[in-house]
Amino acid sequence: MDFYQRARIVCANIPEGRVATYGQIALLCGKPKNARQVGYALNKGRLGEVPAWRILGSSGRLSGAASFETYDMQKLLLEAEGVEVRQTEKGWKTDLKKYGWRNTMEEAEAFRRIFEEKNI
């Protein structure tokens, strides 16, 4: 299995105006305990061109500032898509209940089929 290829496919399909968590991406890739590997892959550019600004920590906190051109780029990109971001004691955060990507079982099964077809 090529986890990074799987993650690239899943990340590329996060809808505009929605966010996903590192854990959600890992789960959809078939590796539910690999949330940190998703973060590592994004930080090191191993996923290629994907909407990395749409991927957040499990609490809805924006945690990728170091990976963007400016410290507030992730926030600005999310806001440009209509995602509300607010300042908290622990940093910027968005409401996962309101903006979280609620992928369907059909989407998860479609990813599995794609992975099988690509033998990844």
PDB file of N, CA and C in Angstrom:
ATOM      1  N   MET A   1       0.836  -1.178   0.000  1.00  0.00           N
ATOM      2  CA  MET A   1       0.000   0.000   0.000  1.00  0.00           C
ATOM      3  C   MET A   1       0.880   1.240   0.000  1.00  0.00           C
ATOM      4  N   ASP A   2       0.524   2.189  -0.817  1.00  0.00           N
ATOM      5  CA  ASP A   2       1.230   3.471  -0.805  1.00  0.00           C
ATOM      6  C   ASP A   2       0.335   4.495  -0.108  1.00  0.00           C
ATOM      7  N   PHE A   3       0.620   4.698   1.162  1.00  0.00           N
ATOM      8  CA  PHE A   3      -0.213   5.589   1.973  1.00  0.00           C
ATOM      9  C   PHE A   3      -0.267   6.996   1.387  1.00  0.00           C
ATOM     10  N   TYR A   4       0.851   7.502   0.895  1.00  0.00           N
ATOM     11  CA  TYR A   4       0.887   8.871   0.388  1.00  0.00           C
ATOM     12  C   TYR A   4       0.044   9.025  -0.879  1.00  0.00           C
ATOM     13  N   GLN A   5       0.046   8.037  -1.741  1.00  0.00           N
ATOM     14  CA  GLN A   5      -0.808   8.104  -2.926  1.00  0.00           C
ATOM     15  C   GLN A   5      -2.276   8.101  -2.523  1.00  0.00           C
ATOM     16  N   ARG A   6      -2.618   7.258  -1.558  1.00  0.00           N
ATOM     17  CA  ARG A   6      -4.001   7.215  -1.066  1.00  0.00           C
ATOM     18  C   ARG A   6      -4.389   8.572  -0.461  1.00  0.00           C
ATOM     19  N   ALA A   7      -3.508   9.104   0.373  1.00  0.00           N
ATOM     20  CA  ALA A   7      -3.807  10.384   1.029  1.00  0.00           C
ATOM     21  C   ALA A   7      -3.970  11.498   0.006  1.00  0.00           C
ATOM     22  N   ARG A   8      -3.167  11.490  -1.038  1.00  0.00           N
ATOM     23  CA  ARG A   8      -3.280  12.497  -2.100  1.00  0.00           C
ATOM     24  C   ARG A   8      -4.672  12.443  -2.732  1.00  0.00           C
ATOM     25  N   ILE A   9      -5.151  11.244  -3.018  1.00  0.00           N
ATOM     26  CA  ILE A   9      -6.471  11.074  -3.633  1.00  0.00           C
ATOM     27  C   ILE A   9      -7.569  11.579  -2.699  1.00  0.00           C
ATOM     28  N   VAL A  10      -7.500  11.179  -1.441  1.00  0.00           N
ATOM     29  CA  VAL A  10      -8.530  11.594  -0.472  1.00  0.00           C
ATOM     30  C   VAL A  10      -8.499  13.104  -0.280  1.00  0.00           C
ATOM     31  N   CYS A  11      -7.328  13.670  -0.053  1.00  0.00           N
ATOM     32  CA  CYS A  11      -7.213  15.113   0.191  1.00  0.00           C
ATOM     33  C   CYS A  11      -7.707  15.933  -1.005  1.00  0.00           C
ATOM     34  N   ALA A  12      -7.445  15.450  -2.196  1.00  0.00           N
ATOM     35  CA  ALA A  12      -7.869  16.167  -3.397  1.00  0.00           C
ATOM     36  C   ALA A  12      -9.387  16.219  -3.523  1.00  0.00           C
ATOM     37  N   ASN A  13     -10.071  15.373  -2.776  1.00  0.00           N
ATOM     38  CA  ASN A  13     -11.528  15.302  -2.865  1.00  0.00           C
ATOM     39  C   ASN A  13     -12.268  15.978  -1.723  1.00  0.00           C
ATOM     40  N   ILE A  14     -11.555  16.668  -0.852  1.00  0.00           N
ATOM     41  CA  ILE A  14     -12.234  17.418   0.209  1.00  0.00           C
ATOM     42  C   ILE A  14     -12.964  18.578  -0.470  1.00  0.00           C
ATOM     43  N   PRO A  15     -14.277  18.665  -0.291  1.00  0.00           N
ATOM     44  CA  PRO A  15     -15.033  19.705  -0.998  1.00  0.00           C
ATOM     45  C   PRO A  15     -14.658  21.126  -0.552  1.00  0.00           C
ATOM     46  N   GLU A  16     -14.737  22.051  -1.470  1.00  0.00           N
ATOM     47  CA  GLU A  16     -14.516  23.460  -1.161  1.00  0.00           C
ATOM     48  C   GLU A  16     -15.512  23.892  -0.096  1.00  0.00           C
ATOM     49  N   GLY A  17     -15.036  24.679   0.864  1.00  0.00           N
ATOM     50  CA  GLY A  17     -15.900  25.152   1.941  1.00  0.00           C
ATOM     51  C   GLY A  17     -16.082  24.151   3.063  1.00  0.00           C
ATOM     52  N   ARG A  18     -15.362  23.043   3.000  1.00  0.00           N
ATOM     53  CA  ARG A  18     -15.400  22.005   4.036  1.00  0.00           C
ATOM     54  C   ARG A  18     -13.990  21.745   4.529  1.00  0.00           C
ATOM     55  N   VAL A  19     -13.882  21.190   5.717  1.00  0.00           N
ATOM     56  CA  VAL A  19     -12.587  20.820   6.290  1.00  0.00           C
ATOM     57  C   VAL A  19     -12.628  19.361   6.716  1.00  0.00           C
ATOM     58  N   ALA A  20     -11.466  18.754   6.786  1.00  0.00           N
ATOM     59  CA  ALA A  20     -11.332  17.379   7.253  1.00  0.00           C
ATOM     60  C   ALA A  20     -10.216  17.337   8.276  1.00  0.00           C
ATOM     61  N   THR A  21     -10.207  16.310   9.095  1.00  0.00           N
ATOM     62  CA  THR A  21      -9.147  16.166  10.092  1.00  0.00           C
ATOM     63  C   THR A  21      -8.090  15.193   9.579  1.00  0.00           C
ATOM     64  N   TYR A  22      -6.908  15.294  10.165  1.00  0.00           N
ATOM     65  CA  TYR A  22      -5.832  14.363   9.825  1.00  0.00           C
ATOM     66  C   TYR A  22      -6.304  12.925  10.036  1.00  0.00           C
ATOM     67  N   GLY A  23      -7.009  12.695  11.133  1.00  0.00           N
ATOM     68  CA  GLY A  23      -7.514  11.355  11.438  1.00  0.00           C
ATOM     69  C   GLY A  23      -8.538  10.868  10.432  1.00  0.00           C
ATOM     70  N   GLN A  24      -9.381  11.754   9.966  1.00  0.00           N
ATOM     71  CA  GLN A  24     -10.387  11.390   8.965  1.00  0.00           C
ATOM     72  C   GLN A  24      -9.704  10.962   7.669  1.00  0.00           C
ATOM     73  N   ILE A  25      -8.675  11.695   7.271  1.00  0.00           N
ATOM     74  CA  ILE A  25      -7.937  11.348   6.057  1.00  0.00           C
ATOM     75  C   ILE A  25      -7.292   9.973   6.233  1.00  0.00           C
ATOM     76  N   ALA A  26      -6.645   9.752   7.384  1.00  0.00           N
ATOM     77  CA  ALA A  26      -5.997   8.465   7.647  1.00  0.00           C
ATOM     78  C   ALA A  26      -7.017   7.320   7.606  1.00  0.00           C
ATOM     79  N   LEU A  27      -8.171   7.528   8.202  1.00  0.00           N
ATOM     80  CA  LEU A  27      -9.218   6.507   8.209  1.00  0.00           C
ATOM     81  C   LEU A  27      -9.659   6.177   6.787  1.00  0.00           C
ATOM     82  N   LEU A  28      -9.899   7.200   5.979  1.00  0.00           N
ATOM     83  CA  LEU A  28     -10.330   6.978   4.602  1.00  0.00           C
ATOM     84  C   LEU A  28      -9.244   6.300   3.762  1.00  0.00           C
ATOM     85  N   CYS A  29      -7.999   6.416   4.209  1.00  0.00           N
ATOM     86  CA  CYS A  29      -6.881   5.747   3.530  1.00  0.00           C
ATOM     87  C   CYS A  29      -6.722   4.299   3.995  1.00  0.00           C
ATOM     88  N   GLY A  30      -7.515   3.900   4.978  1.00  0.00           N
ATOM     89  CA  GLY A  30      -7.430   2.539   5.492  1.00  0.00           C
ATOM     90  C   GLY A  30      -6.442   2.361   6.620  1.00  0.00           C
ATOM     91  N   LYS A  31      -5.924   3.458   7.164  1.00  0.00           N
ATOM     92  CA  LYS A  31      -4.959   3.421   8.263  1.00  0.00           C
ATOM     93  C   LYS A  31      -5.408   4.380   9.370  1.00  0.00           C
ATOM     94  N   PRO A  32      -6.428   4.008  10.141  1.00  0.00           N
ATOM     95  CA  PRO A  32      -7.014   4.939  11.109  1.00  0.00           C
ATOM     96  C   PRO A  32      -6.078   5.468  12.183  1.00  0.00           C
ATOM     97  N   LYS A  33      -4.949   4.826  12.403  1.00  0.00           N
ATOM     98  CA  LYS A  33      -4.017   5.281  13.444  1.00  0.00           C
ATOM     99  C   LYS A  33      -2.871   6.116  12.881  1.00  0.00           C
ATOM    100  N   ASN A  34      -2.970   6.519  11.616  1.00  0.00           N
ATOM    101  CA  ASN A  34      -1.868   7.216  10.965  1.00  0.00           C
ATOM    102  C   ASN A  34      -2.123   8.707  10.749  1.00  0.00           C
ATOM    103  N   ALA A  35      -2.841   9.340  11.646  1.00  0.00           N
ATOM    104  CA  ALA A  35      -3.125  10.773  11.508  1.00  0.00           C
ATOM    105  C   ALA A  35      -1.837  11.587  11.447  1.00  0.00           C
ATOM    106  N   ARG A  36      -0.866  11.236  12.260  1.00  0.00           N
ATOM    107  CA  ARG A  36       0.400  11.984  12.262  1.00  0.00           C
ATOM    108  C   ARG A  36       1.147  11.834  10.944  1.00  0.00           C
ATOM    109  N   GLN A  37       0.980  10.688  10.309  1.00  0.00           N
ATOM    110  CA  GLN A  37       1.630  10.479   9.016  1.00  0.00           C
ATOM    111  C   GLN A  37       1.024  11.410   7.967  1.00  0.00           C
ATOM    112  N   VAL A  38      -0.266  11.683   8.082  1.00  0.00           N
ATOM    113  CA  VAL A  38      -0.907  12.648   7.174  1.00  0.00           C
ATOM    114  C   VAL A  38      -0.274  14.020   7.369  1.00  0.00           C
ATOM    115  N   GLY A  39      -0.127  14.441   8.615  1.00  0.00           N
ATOM    116  CA  GLY A  39       0.498  15.724   8.905  1.00  0.00           C
ATOM    117  C   GLY A  39       1.926  15.790   8.399  1.00  0.00           C
ATOM    118  N   TYR A  40       2.665  14.716   8.600  1.00  0.00           N
ATOM    119  CA  TYR A  40       4.044  14.657   8.124  1.00  0.00           C
ATOM    120  C   TYR A  40       4.088  14.802   6.603  1.00  0.00           C
ATOM    121  N   ALA A  41       3.225  14.066   5.916  1.00  0.00           N
ATOM    122  CA  ALA A  41       3.198  14.088   4.450  1.00  0.00           C
ATOM    123  C   ALA A  41       2.877  15.490   3.929  1.00  0.00           C
ATOM    124  N   LEU A  42       1.936  16.155   4.581  1.00  0.00           N
ATOM    125  CA  LEU A  42       1.593  17.521   4.167  1.00  0.00           C
ATOM    126  C   LEU A  42       2.764  18.468   4.409  1.00  0.00           C
ATOM    127  N   ASN A  43       3.379  18.346   5.569  1.00  0.00           N
ATOM    128  CA  ASN A  43       4.492  19.220   5.932  1.00  0.00           C
ATOM    129  C   ASN A  43       5.680  19.050   5.000  1.00  0.00           C
ATOM    130  N   LYS A  44       5.925  17.832   4.566  1.00  0.00           N
ATOM    131  CA  LYS A  44       7.089  17.535   3.722  1.00  0.00           C
ATOM    132  C   LYS A  44       6.769  17.591   2.227  1.00  0.00           C
ATOM    133  N   GLY A  45       5.524  17.952   1.872  1.00  0.00           N
ATOM    134  CA  GLY A  45       5.159  18.069   0.468  1.00  0.00           C
ATOM    135  C   GLY A  45       5.042  16.743  -0.262  1.00  0.00           C
ATOM    136  N   ARG A  46       4.789  15.675   0.474  1.00  0.00           N
ATOM    137  CA  ARG A  46       4.734  14.340  -0.138  1.00  0.00           C
ATOM    138  C   ARG A  46       3.410  14.050  -0.840  1.00  0.00           C
ATOM    139  N   LEU A  47       2.432  14.955  -0.705  1.00  0.00           N
ATOM    140  CA  LEU A  47       1.130  14.707  -1.320  1.00  0.00           C
ATOM    141  C   LEU A  47       0.922  15.508  -2.598  1.00  0.00           C
ATOM    142  N   GLY A  48       1.895  16.315  -2.945  1.00  0.00           N
ATOM    143  CA  GLY A  48       1.746  17.122  -4.153  1.00  0.00           C
ATOM    144  C   GLY A  48       0.751  18.249  -3.938  1.00  0.00           C
ATOM    145  N   GLU A  49       0.105  18.638  -5.014  1.00  0.00           N
ATOM    146  CA  GLU A  49      -0.836  19.762  -4.971  1.00  0.00           C
ATOM    147  C   GLU A  49      -2.202  19.303  -4.474  1.00  0.00           C
ATOM    148  N   VAL A  50      -2.451  19.479  -3.205  1.00  0.00           N
ATOM    149  CA  VAL A  50      -3.754  19.189  -2.601  1.00  0.00           C
ATOM    150  C   VAL A  50      -4.170  20.400  -1.780  1.00  0.00           C
ATOM    151  N   PRO A  51      -5.461  20.544  -1.487  1.00  0.00           N
ATOM    152  CA  PRO A  51      -5.917  21.688  -0.682  1.00  0.00           C
ATOM    153  C   PRO A  51      -5.590  21.497   0.801  1.00  0.00           C
ATOM    154  N   ALA A  52      -4.316  21.614   1.139  1.00  0.00           N
ATOM    155  CA  ALA A  52      -3.834  21.352   2.496  1.00  0.00           C
ATOM    156  C   ALA A  52      -4.485  22.262   3.537  1.00  0.00           C
ATOM    157  N   TRP A  53      -4.928  23.431   3.134  1.00  0.00           N
ATOM    158  CA  TRP A  53      -5.537  24.357   4.084  1.00  0.00           C
ATOM    159  C   TRP A  53      -6.846  23.811   4.635  1.00  0.00           C
ATOM    160  N   ARG A  54      -7.424  22.823   3.986  1.00  0.00           N
ATOM    161  CA  ARG A  54      -8.695  22.243   4.442  1.00  0.00           C
ATOM    162  C   ARG A  54      -8.508  21.135   5.470  1.00  0.00           C
ATOM    163  N   ILE A  55      -7.281  20.865   5.865  1.00  0.00           N
ATOM    164  CA  ILE A  55      -7.006  19.763   6.783  1.00  0.00           C
ATOM    165  C   ILE A  55      -6.575  20.327   8.130  1.00  0.00           C
ATOM    166  N   LEU A  56      -7.295  19.897   9.174  1.00  0.00           N
ATOM    167  CA  LEU A  56      -7.140  20.461  10.521  1.00  0.00           C
ATOM    168  C   LEU A  56      -6.910  19.365  11.553  1.00  0.00           C
ATOM    169  N   GLY A  57      -6.576  19.805  12.757  1.00  0.00           N
ATOM    170  CA  GLY A  57      -6.474  18.888  13.879  1.00  0.00           C
ATOM    171  C   GLY A  57      -7.848  18.406  14.320  1.00  0.00           C
ATOM    172  N   SER A  58      -7.885  17.402  15.156  1.00  0.00           N
ATOM    173  CA  SER A  58      -9.142  16.766  15.564  1.00  0.00           C
ATOM    174  C   SER A  58     -10.092  17.690  16.315  1.00  0.00           C
ATOM    175  N   SER A  59      -9.582  18.775  16.880  1.00  0.00           N
ATOM    176  CA  SER A  59     -10.434  19.715  17.608  1.00  0.00           C
ATOM    177  C   SER A  59     -10.941  20.837  16.705  1.00  0.00           C
ATOM    178  N   GLY A  60     -10.521  20.822  15.447  1.00  0.00           N
ATOM    179  CA  GLY A  60     -10.890  21.894  14.533  1.00  0.00           C
ATOM    180  C   GLY A  60      -9.879  23.024  14.512  1.00  0.00           C
ATOM    181  N   ARG A  61      -8.761  22.809  15.210  1.00  0.00           N
ATOM    182  CA  ARG A  61      -7.722  23.844  15.282  1.00  0.00           C
ATOM    183  C   ARG A  61      -6.849  23.824  14.033  1.00  0.00           C
ATOM    184  N   LEU A  62      -6.563  25.000  13.518  1.00  0.00           N
ATOM    185  CA  LEU A  62      -5.665  25.140  12.381  1.00  0.00           C
ATOM    186  C   LEU A  62      -4.258  24.886  12.886  1.00  0.00           C
ATOM    187  N   SER A  63      -3.603  23.878  12.335  1.00  0.00           N
ATOM    188  CA  SER A  63      -2.304  23.496  12.881  1.00  0.00           C
ATOM    189  C   SER A  63      -1.195  23.467  11.845  1.00  0.00           C
ATOM    190  N   GLY A  64      -1.468  23.947  10.644  1.00  0.00           N
ATOM    191  CA  GLY A  64      -0.458  23.862   9.600  1.00  0.00           C
ATOM    192  C   GLY A  64       0.238  25.154   9.254  1.00  0.00           C
ATOM    193  N   ALA A  65       0.187  26.150  10.128  1.00  0.00           N
ATOM    194  CA  ALA A  65       0.730  27.477   9.818  1.00  0.00           C
ATOM    195  C   ALA A  65       2.162  27.436   9.306  1.00  0.00           C
ATOM    196  N   ALA A  66       2.984  26.570   9.865  1.00  0.00           N
ATOM    197  CA  ALA A  66       4.393  26.508   9.464  1.00  0.00           C
ATOM    198  C   ALA A  66       4.575  26.028   8.027  1.00  0.00           C
ATOM    199  N   SER A  67       3.563  25.384   7.490  1.00  0.00           N
ATOM    200  CA  SER A  67       3.663  24.839   6.138  1.00  0.00           C
ATOM    201  C   SER A  67       3.227  25.825   5.057  1.00  0.00           C
ATOM    202  N   PHE A  68       2.720  26.964   5.460  1.00  0.00           N
ATOM    203  CA  PHE A  68       2.212  27.927   4.494  1.00  0.00           C
ATOM    204  C   PHE A  68       3.157  29.120   4.358  1.00  0.00           C
ATOM    205  N   GLU A  69       2.957  29.861   3.298  1.00  0.00           N
ATOM    206  CA  GLU A  69       3.821  30.999   2.991  1.00  0.00           C
ATOM    207  C   GLU A  69       3.835  32.039   4.109  1.00  0.00           C
ATOM    208  N   THR A  70       2.679  32.302   4.694  1.00  0.00           N
ATOM    209  CA  THR A  70       2.592  33.222   5.825  1.00  0.00           C
ATOM    210  C   THR A  70       1.831  32.539   6.951  1.00  0.00           C
ATOM    211  N   TYR A  71       2.000  33.012   8.174  1.00  0.00           N
ATOM    212  CA  TYR A  71       1.396  32.369   9.336  1.00  0.00           C
ATOM    213  C   TYR A  71      -0.126  32.338   9.278  1.00  0.00           C
ATOM    214  N   ASP A  72      -0.747  33.286   8.555  1.00  0.00           N
ATOM    215  CA  ASP A  72      -2.203  33.341   8.510  1.00  0.00           C
ATOM    216  C   ASP A  72      -2.791  32.863   7.178  1.00  0.00           C
ATOM    217  N   MET A  73      -1.964  32.276   6.320  1.00  0.00           N
ATOM    218  CA  MET A  73      -2.428  31.856   4.994  1.00  0.00           C
ATOM    219  C   MET A  73      -3.534  30.803   5.073  1.00  0.00           C
ATOM    220  N   GLN A  74      -3.398  29.809   5.940  1.00  0.00           N
ATOM    221  CA  GLN A  74      -4.421  28.774   6.062  1.00  0.00           C
ATOM    222  C   GLN A  74      -5.760  29.397   6.451  1.00  0.00           C
ATOM    223  N   LYS A  75      -5.725  30.297   7.400  1.00  0.00           N
ATOM    224  CA  LYS A  75      -6.926  31.004   7.849  1.00  0.00           C
ATOM    225  C   LYS A  75      -7.557  31.781   6.691  1.00  0.00           C
ATOM    226  N   LEU A  76      -6.745  32.513   5.964  1.00  0.00           N
ATOM    227  CA  LEU A  76      -7.246  33.329   4.861  1.00  0.00           C
ATOM    228  C   LEU A  76      -7.849  32.473   3.754  1.00  0.00           C
ATOM    229  N   LEU A  77      -7.206  31.353   3.444  1.00  0.00           N
ATOM    230  CA  LEU A  77      -7.729  30.464   2.396  1.00  0.00           C
ATOM    231  C   LEU A  77      -9.065  29.844   2.809  1.00  0.00           C
ATOM    232  N   LEU A  78      -9.173  29.462   4.074  1.00  0.00           N
ATOM    233  CA  LEU A  78     -10.451  28.915   4.556  1.00  0.00           C
ATOM    234  C   LEU A  78     -11.543  29.973   4.516  1.00  0.00           C
ATOM    235  N   GLU A  79     -11.232  31.164   4.985  1.00  0.00           N
ATOM    236  CA  GLU A  79     -12.227  32.234   4.981  1.00  0.00           C
ATOM    237  C   GLU A  79     -12.668  32.578   3.561  1.00  0.00           C
ATOM    238  N   ALA A  80     -11.760  32.499   2.599  1.00  0.00           N
ATOM    239  CA  ALA A  80     -12.103  32.774   1.203  1.00  0.00           C
ATOM    240  C   ALA A  80     -13.109  31.752   0.669  1.00  0.00           C
ATOM    241  N   GLU A  81     -13.156  30.577   1.291  1.00  0.00           N
ATOM    242  CA  GLU A  81     -14.114  29.543   0.900  1.00  0.00           C
ATOM    243  C   GLU A  81     -15.386  29.590   1.740  1.00  0.00           C
ATOM    244  N   GLY A  82     -15.483  30.578   2.631  1.00  0.00           N
ATOM    245  CA  GLY A  82     -16.681  30.722   3.447  1.00  0.00           C
ATOM    246  C   GLY A  82     -16.628  30.013   4.784  1.00  0.00           C
ATOM    247  N   VAL A  83     -15.480  29.474   5.148  1.00  0.00           N
ATOM    248  CA  VAL A  83     -15.320  28.788   6.431  1.00  0.00           C
ATOM    249  C   VAL A  83     -14.974  29.834   7.486  1.00  0.00           C
ATOM    250  N   GLU A  84     -15.779  29.898   8.527  1.00  0.00           N
ATOM    251  CA  GLU A  84     -15.527  30.848   9.616  1.00  0.00           C
ATOM    252  C   GLU A  84     -14.395  30.326  10.499  1.00  0.00           C
ATOM    253  N   VAL A  85     -13.460  31.198  10.816  1.00  0.00           N
ATOM    254  CA  VAL A  85     -12.329  30.860  11.681  1.00  0.00           C
ATOM    255  C   VAL A  85     -12.314  31.871  12.811  1.00  0.00           C
ATOM    256  N   ARG A  86     -12.186  31.361  14.049  1.00  0.00           N
ATOM    257  CA  ARG A  86     -12.160  32.270  15.195  1.00  0.00           C
ATOM    258  C   ARG A  86     -10.897  32.034  16.019  1.00  0.00           C
ATOM    259  N   GLN A  87     -10.481  33.081  16.691  1.00  0.00           N
ATOM    260  CA  GLN A  87      -9.306  33.015  17.562  1.00  0.00           C
ATOM    261  C   GLN A  87      -9.712  32.427  18.908  1.00  0.00           C
ATOM    262  N   THR A  88      -8.919  31.494  19.419  1.00  0.00           N
ATOM    263  CA  THR A  88      -9.130  30.932  20.753  1.00  0.00           C
ATOM    264  C   THR A  88      -7.812  31.042  21.514  1.00  0.00           C
ATOM    265  N   GLU A  89      -7.813  30.637  22.775  1.00  0.00           N
ATOM    266  CA  GLU A  89      -6.586  30.646  23.574  1.00  0.00           C
ATOM    267  C   GLU A  89      -5.513  29.760  22.959  1.00  0.00           C
ATOM    268  N   LYS A  90      -5.936  28.709  22.257  1.00  0.00           N
ATOM    269  CA  LYS A  90      -4.989  27.755  21.682  1.00  0.00           C
ATOM    270  C   LYS A  90      -4.729  27.992  20.197  1.00  0.00           C
ATOM    271  N   GLY A  91      -5.218  29.087  19.666  1.00  0.00           N
ATOM    272  CA  GLY A  91      -4.994  29.393  18.255  1.00  0.00           C
ATOM    273  C   GLY A  91      -6.290  29.486  17.478  1.00  0.00           C
ATOM    274  N   TRP A  92      -6.164  29.582  16.159  1.00  0.00           N
ATOM    275  CA  TRP A  92      -7.350  29.667  15.312  1.00  0.00           C
ATOM    276  C   TRP A  92      -8.033  28.323  15.220  1.00  0.00           C
ATOM    277  N   LYS A  93      -9.370  28.402  15.154  1.00  0.00           N
ATOM    278  CA  LYS A  93     -10.173  27.194  15.173  1.00  0.00           C
ATOM    279  C   LYS A  93     -11.424  27.395  14.341  1.00  0.00           C
ATOM    280  N   THR A  94     -11.937  26.305  13.792  1.00  0.00           N
ATOM    281  CA  THR A  94     -13.207  26.359  13.081  1.00  0.00           C
ATOM    282  C   THR A  94     -14.138  25.302  13.655  1.00  0.00           C
ATOM    283  N   ASP A  95     -15.407  25.449  13.396  1.00  0.00           N
ATOM    284  CA  ASP A  95     -16.435  24.565  13.928  1.00  0.00           C
ATOM    285  C   ASP A  95     -16.563  23.342  13.023  1.00  0.00           C
ATOM    286  N   LEU A  96     -16.088  22.190  13.498  1.00  0.00           N
ATOM    287  CA  LEU A  96     -16.151  20.974  12.700  1.00  0.00           C
ATOM    288  C   LEU A  96     -17.583  20.509  12.468  1.00  0.00           C
ATOM    289  N   LYS A  97     -18.466  20.792  13.409  1.00  0.00           N
ATOM    290  CA  LYS A  97     -19.869  20.394  13.216  1.00  0.00           C
ATOM    291  C   LYS A  97     -20.499  21.148  12.058  1.00  0.00           C
ATOM    292  N   LYS A  98     -20.093  22.379  11.885  1.00  0.00           N
ATOM    293  CA  LYS A  98     -20.664  23.207  10.826  1.00  0.00           C
ATOM    294  C   LYS A  98     -19.926  23.045   9.496  1.00  0.00           C
ATOM    295  N   TYR A  99     -18.596  22.965   9.536  1.00  0.00           N
ATOM    296  CA  TYR A  99     -17.798  22.976   8.307  1.00  0.00           C
ATOM    297  C   TYR A  99     -17.093  21.653   7.997  1.00  0.00           C
ATOM    298  N   GLY A 100     -17.235  20.684   8.891  1.00  0.00           N
ATOM    299  CA  GLY A 100     -16.561  19.407   8.670  1.00  0.00           C
ATOM    300  C   GLY A 100     -17.122  18.651   7.472  1.00  0.00           C
ATOM    301  N   TRP A 101     -16.239  17.989   6.763  1.00  0.00           N
ATOM    302  CA  TRP A 101     -16.632  17.149   5.627  1.00  0.00           C
ATOM    303  C   TRP A 101     -17.217  15.860   6.183  1.00  0.00           C
ATOM    304  N   ARG A 102     -18.480  15.660   5.946  1.00  0.00           N
ATOM    305  CA  ARG A 102     -19.146  14.445   6.383  1.00  0.00           C
ATOM    306  C   ARG A 102     -19.187  13.493   5.195  1.00  0.00           C
ATOM    307  N   ASN A 103     -18.049  12.851   4.964  1.00  0.00           N
ATOM    308  CA  ASN A 103     -18.003  11.941   3.823  1.00  0.00           C
ATOM    309  C   ASN A 103     -19.008  10.814   4.026  1.00  0.00           C
ATOM    310  N   THR A 104     -19.538  10.336   2.935  1.00  0.00           N
ATOM    311  CA  THR A 104     -20.529   9.267   2.989  1.00  0.00           C
ATOM    312  C   THR A 104     -19.854   7.905   2.886  1.00  0.00           C
ATOM    313  N   MET A 105     -20.606   6.879   3.202  1.00  0.00           N
ATOM    314  CA  MET A 105     -20.109   5.516   3.041  1.00  0.00           C
ATOM    315  C   MET A 105     -19.826   5.247   1.564  1.00  0.00           C
ATOM    316  N   GLU A 106     -20.645   5.809   0.697  1.00  0.00           N
ATOM    317  CA  GLU A 106     -20.437   5.630  -0.748  1.00  0.00           C
ATOM    318  C   GLU A 106     -19.091   6.233  -1.176  1.00  0.00           C
ATOM    319  N   GLU A 107     -18.753   7.397  -0.618  1.00  0.00           N
ATOM    320  CA  GLU A 107     -17.456   8.007  -0.928  1.00  0.00           C
ATOM    321  C   GLU A 107     -16.309   7.137  -0.416  1.00  0.00           C
ATOM    322  N   ALA A 108     -16.456   6.611   0.790  1.00  0.00           N
ATOM    323  CA  ALA A 108     -15.413   5.748   1.358  1.00  0.00           C
ATOM    324  C   ALA A 108     -15.234   4.496   0.507  1.00  0.00           C
ATOM    325  N   GLU A 109     -16.331   3.910   0.065  1.00  0.00           N
ATOM    326  CA  GLU A 109     -16.254   2.720  -0.786  1.00  0.00           C
ATOM    327  C   GLU A 109     -15.648   3.058  -2.143  1.00  0.00           C
ATOM    328  N   ALA A 110     -15.962   4.238  -2.665  1.00  0.00           N
ATOM    329  CA  ALA A 110     -15.383   4.668  -3.940  1.00  0.00           C
ATOM    330  C   ALA A 110     -13.865   4.827  -3.806  1.00  0.00           C
ATOM    331  N   PHE A 111     -13.406   5.384  -2.698  1.00  0.00           N
ATOM    332  CA  PHE A 111     -11.954   5.491  -2.474  1.00  0.00           C
ATOM    333  C   PHE A 111     -11.323   4.103  -2.451  1.00  0.00           C
ATOM    334  N   ARG A 112     -11.957   3.163  -1.757  1.00  0.00           N
ATOM    335  CA  ARG A 112     -11.428   1.803  -1.680  1.00  0.00           C
ATOM    336  C   ARG A 112     -11.311   1.189  -3.079  1.00  0.00           C
ATOM    337  N   ARG A 113     -12.330   1.404  -3.902  1.00  0.00           N
ATOM    338  CA  ARG A 113     -12.282   0.878  -5.272  1.00  0.00           C
ATOM    339  C   ARG A 113     -11.139   1.521  -6.078  1.00  0.00           C
ATOM    340  N   ILE A 114     -10.974   2.826  -5.920  1.00  0.00           N
ATOM    341  CA  ILE A 114      -9.876   3.529  -6.615  1.00  0.00           C
ATOM    342  C   ILE A 114      -8.539   2.954  -6.170  1.00  0.00           C
ATOM    343  N   PHE A 115      -8.372   2.749  -4.853  1.00  0.00           N
ATOM    344  CA  PHE A 115      -7.121   2.207  -4.334  1.00  0.00           C
ATOM    345  C   PHE A 115      -6.849   0.814  -4.924  1.00  0.00           C
ATOM    346  N   GLU A 116      -7.901  -0.008  -5.010  1.00  0.00           N
ATOM    347  CA  GLU A 116      -7.747  -1.344  -5.567  1.00  0.00           C
ATOM    348  C   GLU A 116      -7.377  -1.297  -7.043  1.00  0.00           C
ATOM    349  N   GLU A 117      -8.055  -0.412  -7.793  1.00  0.00           N
ATOM    350  CA  GLU A 117      -7.778  -0.283  -9.227  1.00  0.00           C
ATOM    351  C   GLU A 117      -6.351   0.170  -9.482  1.00  0.00           C
ATOM    352  N   LYS A 118      -5.850   1.056  -8.616  1.00  0.00           N
ATOM    353  CA  LYS A 118      -4.489   1.571  -8.769  1.00  0.00           C
ATOM    354  C   LYS A 118      -3.451   0.706  -8.074  1.00  0.00           C
ATOM    355  N   ASN A 119      -3.959  -0.346  -7.400  1.00  0.00           N
ATOM    356  CA  ASN A 119      -3.095  -1.260  -6.667  1.00  0.00           C
ATOM    357  C   ASN A 119      -2.219  -0.532  -5.641  1.00  0.00           C
ATOM    358  N   ILE A 120      -2.866   0.378  -4.913  1.00  0.00           N
ATOM    359  CA  ILE A 120      -2.147   1.129  -3.869  1.00  0.00           C
ATOM    360  C   ILE A 120      -2.794   0.906  -2.514  1.00  0.00           C
TER     361      ILE A 120
END
